């Protein structure tokens, strides 16, 4: 019927198809007949679908596609879909073949890059019901997709930082600190868009208050800066209270622009500089001792002059306000014992590289501060990683300790980074001796990661399996077994601290590494066999013979428990593919290929454990 309609009417019908419905209707029309195929293949019909599905792309690759396909979005759509399929194949290789990971990481970072960003985001953020999101490899797929996103983002940042010498000095402070969010896999372009939105909102507020802009004839810089600081205060950008001052996430743009707006002096001046630069003000950060400030340039070229003034955004709510007289700053420097000849140097605009070094040092200090125990293990690892990378890039000759930490962090928390980011990115910036040390360490870890593993031999002593959901008899938390040992393999100091020899069975009993459902920065626990109670092995009576008096180990609803475990331990997704429900509310986490290689017999054991009623666990002995 449709093939009898005029082509322009069919085109009008096709143009009404919703982008939310995808390209299915267009593909269906293409499969009908020659005339409808011609209409359904029109570039203008495919353009909205193309831009909706792939908002990100590699500029060079996108330009190449435009030339190759003459900007025909139907053909370009097919080409991008093939690229996504290639990315899916690479992700499958990473999941199933440990030895292929370094090469596949390089392909993601160097060959595909931003072209597969949107595909990887779709794989990394499969939200919704934990039972249904993405199929039987959804957990492990999410983990490696996040790692691939991080590799792409971090390599872009490292390569960008190396475009000048000294490193970072071609960037603004705003851009350099925004780039640090790439260590969490964030899209820095989206963070820049938040700054754009803030600047627009601030401008609207100032216009309503009839405050002159930098381009206006009646512009007064001190009044303008005061109004910007007050607007920031009203939007929640304020000095952090004492108990929040050392919070680790105060340093990172993806955090202090959203959840941590009560934040540090450095973060506040970054927001101030981002807003005012977009509104046309010339200003620079100043690395004043103990607290950074802003120097506002009154001359149009933005060069330092005697008429410049200073802004302390952190002190906006103080009685004196944010504008700081030069004499007061000189007096502070004098009180610090700085000589007359040196004081002016402390008021000069600071290069971005100097400021970024200061940010890195502040991050390292925060990591070692008390009060970080509730920070997630992933956030602590990412913060340490970015601080060490920054230290290496700005120092160029880091000591062996920094080099060693870089490689170990990559091995443990960022396993795709070692080849493309550390070895082929950061190492290139270092002096020859440091580069050689880093390359040797990287090669050693890469060879170690590819080496065949020796499968663990189960014995009758091992009562539980990797992937089982368990309850801690003494400390009353739930968790998932990730590994086991035939006997305690912890250090003597740990054995003594935890009083292991007083447990029933002492150190000569199986011990299990358990991802614990705890609000803690160290989610993995080492648990003795005598303290393990598997999910739903206890009777429902209150006088359970297995657990201490008054403790009922029956869990919350299964899928709530699974969701909480996944949320508390992001690394768990590396080792498990999905959750398999079993008999009477029991379940197990199914091992990934990587873990199954180490524990080949545990899969069958765990499957049996949830398939039928297990024997009642013997009561604990005191």
Foldseek 3Di string as FASTA:
>chain_A
DVLPDPLVVLLVVLLPDDLVVPCVVLVVQLPPDDSSVVSSQAQVSQVVNVCVQQVWADVVVVVVVCVVVVSRNSVVVVVLVVVLVVLVVLLVCVQFALLCQQVSLCCLQPPGARSCLSSLVQLQPQDDFQFDRPPQQSLQSNLVSQLSLLSNLLLVLLVQQPPDPVGPLVDALLLNQLSLCSLRSDDSVVLLVLLVVLLVVLVVVCVVVVADFPVDPPHDVVVSLLSSLVVLVVVPQAAAPPLCALALCLSHSVCCSPPVSNHAQVSQVSSSCSNNVVRPWQKAWFCAPPHIWIWTAPDNVNADDPPIWIFRSRCCVPPVHGTDGPVVQLVVCVVVVHDPVCSVVRVHGDRSLVVVLVSLVSSVVSLPDPPCFLPALLSSLSSPLSSLLSCCSNVLADDPVSLVSNLVSCVPPSVNCLNSNQLVRSLVNHPDVNSVSNVVSSVVSSVVSNDQDDADDDDPLPPAFFFFWKAFQPPGWIWTFHDKDQFDPDDPVVLVVVVQQPFVCRRRGMWTWTQTLDSGNDRTDIGGPLGIDTAPLFDPDQPTQAHDRPDDNHDDQLSVVVVSSCVRDVCVSSFFRGWDAAPPRGITTHGGSVSCSHHVPRNVVNVVPRHDRDHRDHHRDD
